[in-house]
């Protein structure tokens, strides 16, 4: 069993996830660095083989994260035909401890996806702050879901 790793920041999580992925045979950080390097050099053409490698890696982690989402859903009484739903308790959180662990499992895959996309913890903080501003604006303007497509270009301003 691996020794207990110190984790006190998002930066630590990034390092540990990078090491865990390498141990499993996946160099998410290296792939992300390839993306960053290609972007800086202006060498990421639409037909670049790197785009395919990135897409496959992201798809693998999306599938894994999706599985964890389903496992989290399994912690809820979500089936409408069971007793809980008939008693008005549909979606009751039944297994809190496992739900917490499933949420952390999702974090493992989310960090891996960020690494593949060449995002550092600093990038995450910066992009979150920019997107948070957009989301507040969207709520302040009382937009509807039908308005979403008209404003999707706002995401292009998140740098």
C-alpha atoms as a PDB file:
ATOM      1  CA  UNK A   1       0.000   0.000   0.000  1.00  0.00           C
ATOM      2  CA  UNK A   2       1.252   3.487  -0.846  1.00  0.00           C
ATOM      3  CA  UNK A   3       2.322   5.728   1.983  1.00  0.00           C
ATOM      4  CA  UNK A   4       0.017   8.566   3.013  1.00  0.00           C
ATOM      5  CA  UNK A   5       0.578  11.599   0.796  1.00  0.00           C
ATOM      6  CA  UNK A   6       0.402  15.151   2.120  1.00  0.00           C
ATOM      7  CA  UNK A   7      -2.343  17.142   0.442  1.00  0.00           C
ATOM      8  CA  UNK A   8      -2.900  20.731   1.485  1.00  0.00           C
ATOM      9  CA  UNK A   9      -3.634  22.569  -1.749  1.00  0.00           C
ATOM     10  CA  UNK A  10      -4.958  22.204  -5.251  1.00  0.00           C
ATOM     11  CA  UNK A  11      -1.337  22.282  -6.376  1.00  0.00           C
ATOM     12  CA  UNK A  12      -0.637  19.179  -4.250  1.00  0.00           C
ATOM     13  CA  UNK A  13      -3.661  17.443  -5.762  1.00  0.00           C
ATOM     14  CA  UNK A  14      -2.310  18.194  -9.248  1.00  0.00           C
ATOM     15  CA  UNK A  15       1.061  16.629  -8.429  1.00  0.00           C
ATOM     16  CA  UNK A  16      -0.426  13.555  -6.783  1.00  0.00           C
ATOM     17  CA  UNK A  17      -2.886  13.019  -9.629  1.00  0.00           C
ATOM     18  CA  UNK A  18      -0.106  13.369 -12.182  1.00  0.00           C
ATOM     19  CA  UNK A  19       1.923  10.742 -10.305  1.00  0.00           C
ATOM     20  CA  UNK A  20      -1.084   8.429  -9.907  1.00  0.00           C
ATOM     21  CA  UNK A  21      -1.894   8.670 -13.616  1.00  0.00           C
ATOM     22  CA  UNK A  22       1.725   7.939 -14.583  1.00  0.00           C
ATOM     23  CA  UNK A  23       1.692   4.942 -12.234  1.00  0.00           C
ATOM     24  CA  UNK A  24      -1.376   3.674 -14.128  1.00  0.00           C
ATOM     25  CA  UNK A  25       0.387   4.232 -17.463  1.00  0.00           C
ATOM     26  CA  UNK A  26      -1.141   7.566 -18.474  1.00  0.00           C
ATOM     27  CA  UNK A  27       0.898  10.747 -18.724  1.00  0.00           C
ATOM     28  CA  UNK A  28      -1.910  13.297 -18.476  1.00  0.00           C
ATOM     29  CA  UNK A  29       0.461  16.122 -17.538  1.00  0.00           C
ATOM     30  CA  UNK A  30       2.800  15.278 -20.398  1.00  0.00           C
ATOM     31  CA  UNK A  31      -0.067  15.218 -22.860  1.00  0.00           C
ATOM     32  CA  UNK A  32      -1.275  18.561 -21.548  1.00  0.00           C
ATOM     33  CA  UNK A  33       2.217  20.008 -21.891  1.00  0.00           C
ATOM     34  CA  UNK A  34       2.262  18.809 -25.512  1.00  0.00           C
ATOM     35  CA  UNK A  35      -0.943  20.767 -26.059  1.00  0.00           C
ATOM     36  CA  UNK A  36       0.448  23.892 -24.402  1.00  0.00           C
ATOM     37  CA  UNK A  37       3.659  23.651 -26.454  1.00  0.00           C
ATOM     38  CA  UNK A  38       1.742  23.142 -29.713  1.00  0.00           C
ATOM     39  CA  UNK A  39      -0.526  26.105 -28.963  1.00  0.00           C
ATOM     40  CA  UNK A  40       2.438  28.356 -28.181  1.00  0.00           C
ATOM     41  CA  UNK A  41       4.172  27.287 -31.396  1.00  0.00           C
ATOM     42  CA  UNK A  42       0.995  27.700 -33.450  1.00  0.00           C
ATOM     43  CA  UNK A  43       1.279  24.060 -34.508  1.00  0.00           C
ATOM     44  CA  UNK A  44      -2.143  22.659 -33.680  1.00  0.00           C
ATOM     45  CA  UNK A  45      -3.770  22.325 -37.088  1.00  0.00           C
ATOM     46  CA  UNK A  46      -7.263  20.892 -37.359  1.00  0.00           C
ATOM     47  CA  UNK A  47      -5.858  17.608 -38.681  1.00  0.00           C
ATOM     48  CA  UNK A  48      -3.137  17.341 -36.039  1.00  0.00           C
ATOM     49  CA  UNK A  49      -2.690  13.807 -34.632  1.00  0.00           C
ATOM     50  CA  UNK A  50      -2.328  15.478 -31.224  1.00  0.00           C
ATOM     51  CA  UNK A  51      -5.989  16.529 -31.376  1.00  0.00           C
ATOM     52  CA  UNK A  52      -6.969  12.869 -31.776  1.00  0.00           C
ATOM     53  CA  UNK A  53      -4.738  11.774 -28.853  1.00  0.00           C
ATOM     54  CA  UNK A  54      -6.207  14.550 -26.710  1.00  0.00           C
ATOM     55  CA  UNK A  55      -9.752  13.653 -27.684  1.00  0.00           C
ATOM     56  CA  UNK A  56      -9.279   9.958 -26.939  1.00  0.00           C
ATOM     57  CA  UNK A  57      -7.722  10.695 -23.562  1.00  0.00           C
ATOM     58  CA  UNK A  58     -10.479  13.141 -22.623  1.00  0.00           C
ATOM     59  CA  UNK A  59     -13.158  10.680 -23.754  1.00  0.00           C
ATOM     60  CA  UNK A  60     -11.662   7.969 -21.531  1.00  0.00           C
ATOM     61  CA  UNK A  61     -11.747  10.265 -18.502  1.00  0.00           C
ATOM     62  CA  UNK A  62     -15.241  11.550 -19.348  1.00  0.00           C
ATOM     63  CA  UNK A  63     -16.459   7.961 -19.442  1.00  0.00           C
ATOM     64  CA  UNK A  64     -14.792   7.257 -16.098  1.00  0.00           C
ATOM     65  CA  UNK A  65     -16.263  10.413 -14.537  1.00  0.00           C
ATOM     66  CA  UNK A  66     -19.674   9.568 -15.956  1.00  0.00           C
ATOM     67  CA  UNK A  67     -19.462   6.175 -14.287  1.00  0.00           C
ATOM     68  CA  UNK A  68     -18.705   7.877 -10.975  1.00  0.00           C
ATOM     69  CA  UNK A  69     -21.732  10.151 -11.491  1.00  0.00           C
ATOM     70  CA  UNK A  70     -23.898   7.065 -11.903  1.00  0.00           C
ATOM     71  CA  UNK A  71     -22.381   5.569  -8.754  1.00  0.00           C
ATOM     72  CA  UNK A  72     -23.213   8.798  -6.922  1.00  0.00           C
ATOM     73  CA  UNK A  73     -26.765   8.585  -8.217  1.00  0.00           C
ATOM     74  CA  UNK A  74     -26.878   5.091  -6.732  1.00  0.00           C
ATOM     75  CA  UNK A  75     -26.590   6.756  -3.307  1.00  0.00           C
ATOM     76  CA  UNK A  76     -30.018   8.316  -3.889  1.00  0.00           C
ATOM     77  CA  UNK A  77     -33.473   6.764  -3.780  1.00  0.00           C
ATOM     78  CA  UNK A  78     -34.085   7.816  -7.366  1.00  0.00           C
ATOM     79  CA  UNK A  79     -36.276   5.037  -8.734  1.00  0.00           C
ATOM     80  CA  UNK A  80     -39.841   6.288  -8.941  1.00  0.00           C
ATOM     81  CA  UNK A  81     -41.407   2.858  -8.422  1.00  0.00           C
ATOM     82  CA  UNK A  82     -39.856   2.085  -5.039  1.00  0.00           C
ATOM     83  CA  UNK A  83     -41.345   2.664  -1.599  1.00  0.00           C
ATOM     84  CA  UNK A  84     -39.225   5.784  -0.942  1.00  0.00           C
ATOM     85  CA  UNK A  85     -40.739   7.598  -3.915  1.00  0.00           C
ATOM     86  CA  UNK A  86     -44.249   6.552  -2.959  1.00  0.00           C
ATOM     87  CA  UNK A  87     -43.591   7.950   0.521  1.00  0.00           C
ATOM     88  CA  UNK A  88     -42.487  11.311  -0.941  1.00  0.00           C
ATOM     89  CA  UNK A  89     -38.790  10.551  -0.381  1.00  0.00           C
ATOM     90  CA  UNK A  90     -37.659  10.189  -3.992  1.00  0.00           C
ATOM     91  CA  UNK A  91     -34.067  11.434  -4.348  1.00  0.00           C
ATOM     92  CA  UNK A  92     -33.415  11.020  -0.631  1.00  0.00           C
ATOM     93  CA  UNK A  93     -29.673  10.762   0.012  1.00  0.00           C
ATOM     94  CA  UNK A  94     -29.330   7.301   1.506  1.00  0.00           C
ATOM     95  CA  UNK A  95     -25.587   6.620   1.615  1.00  0.00           C
ATOM     96  CA  UNK A  96     -23.836   9.836   2.623  1.00  0.00           C
ATOM     97  CA  UNK A  97     -20.397   8.297   3.196  1.00  0.00           C
ATOM     98  CA  UNK A  98     -20.313   6.618  -0.205  1.00  0.00           C
ATOM     99  CA  UNK A  99     -21.688   9.769  -1.863  1.00  0.00           C
ATOM    100  CA  UNK A 100     -18.750  11.726  -0.489  1.00  0.00           C
ATOM    101  CA  UNK A 101     -16.273   9.177  -1.801  1.00  0.00           C
ATOM    102  CA  UNK A 102     -17.935   9.129  -5.236  1.00  0.00           C
ATOM    103  CA  UNK A 103     -17.641  12.933  -5.383  1.00  0.00           C
ATOM    104  CA  UNK A 104     -13.915  12.620  -4.693  1.00  0.00           C
ATOM    105  CA  UNK A 105     -13.635   9.914  -7.346  1.00  0.00           C
ATOM    106  CA  UNK A 106     -15.070  12.454  -9.784  1.00  0.00           C
ATOM    107  CA  UNK A 107     -12.395  14.921  -8.663  1.00  0.00           C
ATOM    108  CA  UNK A 108      -9.668  12.440  -9.641  1.00  0.00           C
ATOM    109  CA  UNK A 109     -11.012  12.308 -13.190  1.00  0.00           C
ATOM    110  CA  UNK A 110     -11.763  16.047 -13.369  1.00  0.00           C
ATOM    111  CA  UNK A 111      -8.177  16.881 -12.421  1.00  0.00           C
ATOM    112  CA  UNK A 112      -6.944  14.401 -15.033  1.00  0.00           C
ATOM    113  CA  UNK A 113      -9.037  16.110 -17.718  1.00  0.00           C
ATOM    114  CA  UNK A 114      -7.684  19.496 -16.655  1.00  0.00           C
ATOM    115  CA  UNK A 115      -4.151  18.131 -16.938  1.00  0.00           C
ATOM    116  CA  UNK A 116      -4.819  16.776 -20.438  1.00  0.00           C
ATOM    117  CA  UNK A 117      -6.076  20.235 -21.427  1.00  0.00           C
ATOM    118  CA  UNK A 118      -2.857  21.769 -20.118  1.00  0.00           C
ATOM    119  CA  UNK A 119      -4.552  23.558 -17.225  1.00  0.00           C
ATOM    120  CA  UNK A 120      -2.658  24.262 -14.027  1.00  0.00           C
ATOM    121  CA  UNK A 121      -4.277  24.986 -10.663  1.00  0.00           C
ATOM    122  CA  UNK A 122      -3.571  28.672 -11.315  1.00  0.00           C
ATOM    123  CA  UNK A 123      -5.396  28.391 -14.659  1.00  0.00           C
ATOM    124  CA  UNK A 124      -8.363  26.781 -12.896  1.00  0.00           C
ATOM    125  CA  UNK A 125      -8.586  29.640 -10.386  1.00  0.00           C
ATOM    126  CA  UNK A 126      -8.337  32.240 -13.159  1.00  0.00           C
ATOM    127  CA  UNK A 127     -10.844  30.557 -15.465  1.00  0.00           C
ATOM    128  CA  UNK A 128     -13.254  29.907 -12.611  1.00  0.00           C
ATOM    129  CA  UNK A 129     -13.207  33.581 -11.646  1.00  0.00           C
ATOM    130  CA  UNK A 130     -13.859  34.653 -15.244  1.00  0.00           C
ATOM    131  CA  UNK A 131     -16.664  32.145 -15.731  1.00  0.00           C
ATOM    132  CA  UNK A 132     -18.169  33.030 -12.344  1.00  0.00           C
ATOM    133  CA  UNK A 133     -18.516  36.620 -13.532  1.00  0.00           C
ATOM    134  CA  UNK A 134     -20.339  35.444 -16.654  1.00  0.00           C
ATOM    135  CA  UNK A 135     -22.643  33.185 -14.647  1.00  0.00           C
ATOM    136  CA  UNK A 136     -23.555  36.034 -12.289  1.00  0.00           C
ATOM    137  CA  UNK A 137     -24.291  38.218 -15.306  1.00  0.00           C
ATOM    138  CA  UNK A 138     -26.519  35.505 -16.744  1.00  0.00           C
ATOM    139  CA  UNK A 139     -28.478  35.277 -13.499  1.00  0.00           C
ATOM    140  CA  UNK A 140     -28.644  39.055 -13.088  1.00  0.00           C
ATOM    141  CA  UNK A 141     -30.148  39.314 -16.559  1.00  0.00           C
ATOM    142  CA  UNK A 142     -32.676  36.595 -15.647  1.00  0.00           C
ATOM    143  CA  UNK A 143     -31.940  34.669 -18.803  1.00  0.00           C
ATOM    144  CA  UNK A 144     -33.886  31.580 -19.723  1.00  0.00           C
ATOM    145  CA  UNK A 145     -32.518  28.308 -21.001  1.00  0.00           C
ATOM    146  CA  UNK A 146     -33.899  29.230 -24.415  1.00  0.00           C
ATOM    147  CA  UNK A 147     -31.507  32.224 -24.404  1.00  0.00           C
ATOM    148  CA  UNK A 148     -28.449  30.041 -23.829  1.00  0.00           C
ATOM    149  CA  UNK A 149     -27.414  29.511 -27.455  1.00  0.00           C
ATOM    150  CA  UNK A 150     -27.573  33.262 -28.103  1.00  0.00           C
ATOM    151  CA  UNK A 151     -24.903  33.872 -25.448  1.00  0.00           C
ATOM    152  CA  UNK A 152     -22.637  30.827 -25.801  1.00  0.00           C
ATOM    153  CA  UNK A 153     -20.013  33.088 -27.376  1.00  0.00           C
ATOM    154  CA  UNK A 154     -19.417  34.553 -23.895  1.00  0.00           C
ATOM    155  CA  UNK A 155     -17.363  31.459 -23.155  1.00  0.00           C
ATOM    156  CA  UNK A 156     -14.880  32.556 -25.822  1.00  0.00           C
ATOM    157  CA  UNK A 157     -14.028  35.553 -23.626  1.00  0.00           C
ATOM    158  CA  UNK A 158     -12.904  33.274 -20.770  1.00  0.00           C
ATOM    159  CA  UNK A 159      -9.144  33.232 -21.225  1.00  0.00           C
END
